[in-house]
Amino acid sequence: MKVVEAKEVKVEKMPHKKEERQRGQLRWLFKRSFKGEGLEFSWRRFDEIFQEVSKMLLTERSNKVFSQNTVDAEADAKRLKAEASTTDEVIKAFRVKQAQSKLRVGLLTAKNEKMKKEIHLCKAEVNALMK
């Protein structure tokens, strides 16, 4: 009977199609950029750094999204501040109009009272003449 020692077998997970496509695109870029410069590139090394490059790209994309959200939030804040300022101006204008209207009503009320007194005096004169 033979005794066989167990060996560890390294099982690599299969890359997703998206990763394969990205890896192929990056290899093409590297080949193109290093072409004619006499540089050799180790594809094993490429596979080692591919995951880190992918993480960096995802982080960069997240940063861009975050930056865009920040810009949008700042624009909304400016718009809301402008709306609040406009609203304050409208409220002030209405308060001025209201004060003017109250003064006008007060003047008209005083004129009305004066006219009532004159009418009352005129009635009294007419009644005195009629008797």
C-alpha atoms as a PDB file:
ATOM      1  CA  MET A   1       0.000   0.000   0.000  1.00  0.00           C
ATOM      2  CA  LYS A   2       1.258   3.497  -0.938  1.00  0.00           C
ATOM      3  CA  VAL A   3       1.025   6.478   1.388  1.00  0.00           C
ATOM      4  CA  VAL A   4       0.223   9.675  -0.432  1.00  0.00           C
ATOM      5  CA  GLU A   5       0.759  12.988   1.229  1.00  0.00           C
ATOM      6  CA  ALA A   6      -1.936  15.599   0.860  1.00  0.00           C
ATOM      7  CA  LYS A   7      -0.848  18.726  -0.934  1.00  0.00           C
ATOM      8  CA  GLU A   8      -2.529  22.087  -0.681  1.00  0.00           C
ATOM      9  CA  VAL A   9      -4.229  23.020  -3.868  1.00  0.00           C
ATOM     10  CA  LYS A  10      -4.674  26.699  -4.505  1.00  0.00           C
ATOM     11  CA  VAL A  11      -8.072  27.389  -6.016  1.00  0.00           C
ATOM     12  CA  GLU A  12      -8.329  30.712  -7.750  1.00  0.00           C
ATOM     13  CA  LYS A  13     -11.705  32.264  -8.174  1.00  0.00           C
ATOM     14  CA  MET A  14     -12.780  32.886 -11.705  1.00  0.00           C
ATOM     15  CA  PRO A  15     -12.710  36.583 -12.583  1.00  0.00           C
ATOM     16  CA  HIS A  16     -15.941  38.181 -13.628  1.00  0.00           C
ATOM     17  CA  LYS A  17     -16.384  39.191 -17.229  1.00  0.00           C
ATOM     18  CA  LYS A  18     -16.146  42.840 -16.256  1.00  0.00           C
ATOM     19  CA  GLU A  19     -12.794  42.242 -14.547  1.00  0.00           C
ATOM     20  CA  GLU A  20     -11.548  40.301 -17.578  1.00  0.00           C
ATOM     21  CA  ARG A  21     -12.573  43.133 -19.873  1.00  0.00           C
ATOM     22  CA  GLN A  22     -10.908  45.731 -17.629  1.00  0.00           C
ATOM     23  CA  ARG A  23      -7.760  43.618 -17.373  1.00  0.00           C
ATOM     24  CA  GLY A  24      -7.667  43.262 -21.161  1.00  0.00           C
ATOM     25  CA  GLN A  25      -8.127  46.994 -21.636  1.00  0.00           C
ATOM     26  CA  LEU A  26      -5.371  47.786 -19.154  1.00  0.00           C
ATOM     27  CA  ARG A  27      -3.011  45.250 -20.777  1.00  0.00           C
ATOM     28  CA  TRP A  28      -3.686  46.862 -24.141  1.00  0.00           C
ATOM     29  CA  LEU A  29      -2.920  50.291 -22.680  1.00  0.00           C
ATOM     30  CA  PHE A  30       0.281  49.029 -21.064  1.00  0.00           C
ATOM     31  CA  LYS A  31       1.409  47.320 -24.268  1.00  0.00           C
ATOM     32  CA  ARG A  32       0.686  50.473 -26.210  1.00  0.00           C
ATOM     33  CA  SER A  33       2.437  52.768 -23.744  1.00  0.00           C
ATOM     34  CA  PHE A  34       5.541  50.568 -23.362  1.00  0.00           C
ATOM     35  CA  LYS A  35       5.850  49.729 -27.058  1.00  0.00           C
ATOM     36  CA  GLY A  36       9.183  50.709 -28.549  1.00  0.00           C
ATOM     37  CA  GLU A  37      10.701  51.808 -25.246  1.00  0.00           C
ATOM     38  CA  GLY A  38      12.571  48.578 -24.575  1.00  0.00           C
ATOM     39  CA  LEU A  39      10.754  48.014 -21.305  1.00  0.00           C
ATOM     40  CA  GLU A  40       9.567  44.622 -20.279  1.00  0.00           C
ATOM     41  CA  PHE A  41       6.470  44.233 -18.260  1.00  0.00           C
ATOM     42  CA  SER A  42       5.775  41.232 -16.086  1.00  0.00           C
ATOM     43  CA  TRP A  43       2.193  40.109 -16.496  1.00  0.00           C
ATOM     44  CA  ARG A  44       2.385  38.403 -13.118  1.00  0.00           C
ATOM     45  CA  ARG A  45       3.184  41.744 -11.605  1.00  0.00           C
ATOM     46  CA  PHE A  46       0.323  43.225 -13.593  1.00  0.00           C
ATOM     47  CA  ASP A  47      -2.092  40.710 -12.078  1.00  0.00           C
ATOM     48  CA  GLU A  48      -0.789  41.601  -8.621  1.00  0.00           C
ATOM     49  CA  ILE A  49      -1.405  45.290  -9.028  1.00  0.00           C
ATOM     50  CA  PHE A  50      -4.632  44.930 -11.000  1.00  0.00           C
ATOM     51  CA  GLN A  51      -6.747  44.605  -7.851  1.00  0.00           C
ATOM     52  CA  GLU A  52      -5.129  47.688  -6.315  1.00  0.00           C
ATOM     53  CA  VAL A  53      -5.627  49.679  -9.502  1.00  0.00           C
ATOM     54  CA  SER A  54      -9.270  48.580  -9.590  1.00  0.00           C
ATOM     55  CA  LYS A  55      -9.739  49.724  -5.987  1.00  0.00           C
ATOM     56  CA  MET A  56      -8.111  53.048  -6.806  1.00  0.00           C
ATOM     57  CA  LEU A  57     -10.401  53.519  -9.808  1.00  0.00           C
ATOM     58  CA  LEU A  58     -13.468  52.709  -7.701  1.00  0.00           C
ATOM     59  CA  THR A  59     -12.292  55.154  -5.037  1.00  0.00           C
ATOM     60  CA  GLU A  60     -11.693  57.801  -7.678  1.00  0.00           C
ATOM     61  CA  ARG A  61     -15.181  57.256  -9.080  1.00  0.00           C
ATOM     62  CA  SER A  62     -16.678  57.442  -5.582  1.00  0.00           C
ATOM     63  CA  ASN A  63     -14.772  60.666  -4.978  1.00  0.00           C
ATOM     64  CA  LYS A  64     -16.099  62.127  -8.230  1.00  0.00           C
ATOM     65  CA  VAL A  65     -19.663  61.183  -7.266  1.00  0.00           C
ATOM     66  CA  PHE A  66     -19.144  62.635  -3.783  1.00  0.00           C
ATOM     67  CA  SER A  67     -17.657  65.811  -5.268  1.00  0.00           C
ATOM     68  CA  GLN A  68     -20.595  66.161  -7.651  1.00  0.00           C
ATOM     69  CA  ASN A  69     -23.040  65.642  -4.783  1.00  0.00           C
ATOM     70  CA  THR A  70     -21.163  68.298  -2.806  1.00  0.00           C
ATOM     71  CA  VAL A  71     -21.326  70.734  -5.719  1.00  0.00           C
ATOM     72  CA  ASP A  72     -25.046  70.017  -6.139  1.00  0.00           C
ATOM     73  CA  ALA A  73     -25.673  70.555  -2.424  1.00  0.00           C
ATOM     74  CA  GLU A  74     -23.760  73.845  -2.483  1.00  0.00           C
ATOM     75  CA  ALA A  75     -25.748  75.004  -5.528  1.00  0.00           C
ATOM     76  CA  ASP A  76     -29.010  74.073  -3.767  1.00  0.00           C
ATOM     77  CA  ALA A  77     -27.888  75.959  -0.659  1.00  0.00           C
ATOM     78  CA  LYS A  78     -27.115  79.065  -2.736  1.00  0.00           C
ATOM     79  CA  ARG A  79     -30.464  78.798  -4.527  1.00  0.00           C
ATOM     80  CA  LEU A  80     -32.336  78.415  -1.242  1.00  0.00           C
ATOM     81  CA  LYS A  81     -30.433  81.340   0.258  1.00  0.00           C
ATOM     82  CA  ALA A  82     -31.378  83.478  -2.746  1.00  0.00           C
ATOM     83  CA  GLU A  83     -35.014  82.384  -2.426  1.00  0.00           C
ATOM     84  CA  ALA A  84     -34.985  83.226   1.288  1.00  0.00           C
ATOM     85  CA  SER A  85     -33.489  86.638   0.526  1.00  0.00           C
ATOM     86  CA  THR A  86     -36.127  87.274  -2.129  1.00  0.00           C
ATOM     87  CA  THR A  87     -38.853  86.146   0.263  1.00  0.00           C
ATOM     88  CA  ASP A  88     -37.523  88.512   2.934  1.00  0.00           C
ATOM     89  CA  GLU A  89     -37.563  91.377   0.439  1.00  0.00           C
ATOM     90  CA  VAL A  90     -41.157  90.567  -0.560  1.00  0.00           C
ATOM     91  CA  ILE A  91     -42.212  90.403   3.100  1.00  0.00           C
ATOM     92  CA  LYS A  92     -40.581  93.786   3.778  1.00  0.00           C
ATOM     93  CA  ALA A  93     -42.333  95.276   0.749  1.00  0.00           C
ATOM     94  CA  PHE A  94     -45.688  93.930   1.958  1.00  0.00           C
ATOM     95  CA  ARG A  95     -45.063  95.339   5.448  1.00  0.00           C
ATOM     96  CA  VAL A  96     -44.367  98.758   3.936  1.00  0.00           C
ATOM     97  CA  LYS A  97     -47.540  98.488   1.826  1.00  0.00           C
ATOM     98  CA  GLN A  98     -49.485  97.406   4.907  1.00  0.00           C
ATOM     99  CA  ALA A  99     -48.203 100.382   6.903  1.00  0.00           C
ATOM    100  CA  GLN A 100     -49.086 102.714   4.021  1.00  0.00           C
ATOM    101  CA  SER A 101     -52.547 101.173   3.804  1.00  0.00           C
ATOM    102  CA  LYS A 102     -53.097 101.589   7.555  1.00  0.00           C
ATOM    103  CA  LEU A 103     -52.113 105.258   7.325  1.00  0.00           C
ATOM    104  CA  ARG A 104     -54.447 105.740   4.392  1.00  0.00           C
ATOM    105  CA  VAL A 105     -57.302 104.054   6.247  1.00  0.00           C
ATOM    106  CA  GLY A 106     -56.583 106.280   9.253  1.00  0.00           C
ATOM    107  CA  LEU A 107     -56.689 109.428   7.078  1.00  0.00           C
ATOM    108  CA  LEU A 108     -59.884 108.318   5.358  1.00  0.00           C
ATOM    109  CA  THR A 109     -61.466 107.497   8.729  1.00  0.00           C
ATOM    110  CA  ALA A 110     -60.592 110.984  10.021  1.00  0.00           C
ATOM    111  CA  LYS A 111     -62.043 112.590   6.867  1.00  0.00           C
ATOM    112  CA  ASN A 112     -65.152 110.433   7.243  1.00  0.00           C
ATOM    113  CA  GLU A 113     -65.634 111.582  10.852  1.00  0.00           C
ATOM    114  CA  LYS A 114     -65.163 115.225   9.822  1.00  0.00           C
ATOM    115  CA  MET A 115     -67.734 114.834   7.029  1.00  0.00           C
ATOM    116  CA  LYS A 116     -70.191 113.176   9.435  1.00  0.00           C
ATOM    117  CA  LYS A 117     -69.889 116.159  11.785  1.00  0.00           C
ATOM    118  CA  GLU A 118     -70.441 118.581   8.892  1.00  0.00           C
ATOM    119  CA  ILE A 119     -73.489 116.602   7.747  1.00  0.00           C
ATOM    120  CA  HIS A 120     -74.853 116.580  11.309  1.00  0.00           C
ATOM    121  CA  LEU A 121     -74.375 120.388  11.555  1.00  0.00           C
ATOM    122  CA  CYS A 122     -76.023 120.886   8.162  1.00  0.00           C
ATOM    123  CA  LYS A 123     -79.002 118.778   9.239  1.00  0.00           C
ATOM    124  CA  ALA A 124     -79.264 120.799  12.413  1.00  0.00           C
ATOM    125  CA  GLU A 125     -79.271 124.071  10.379  1.00  0.00           C
ATOM    126  CA  VAL A 126     -81.890 122.709   7.979  1.00  0.00           C
ATOM    127  CA  ASN A 127     -84.082 121.570  10.892  1.00  0.00           C
ATOM    128  CA  ALA A 128     -83.733 124.995  12.543  1.00  0.00           C
ATOM    129  CA  LEU A 129     -84.712 126.767   9.339  1.00  0.00           C
ATOM    130  CA  MET A 130     -87.689 124.473   8.830  1.00  0.00           C
ATOM    131  CA  LYS A 131     -89.212 125.220  12.205  1.00  0.00           C
END
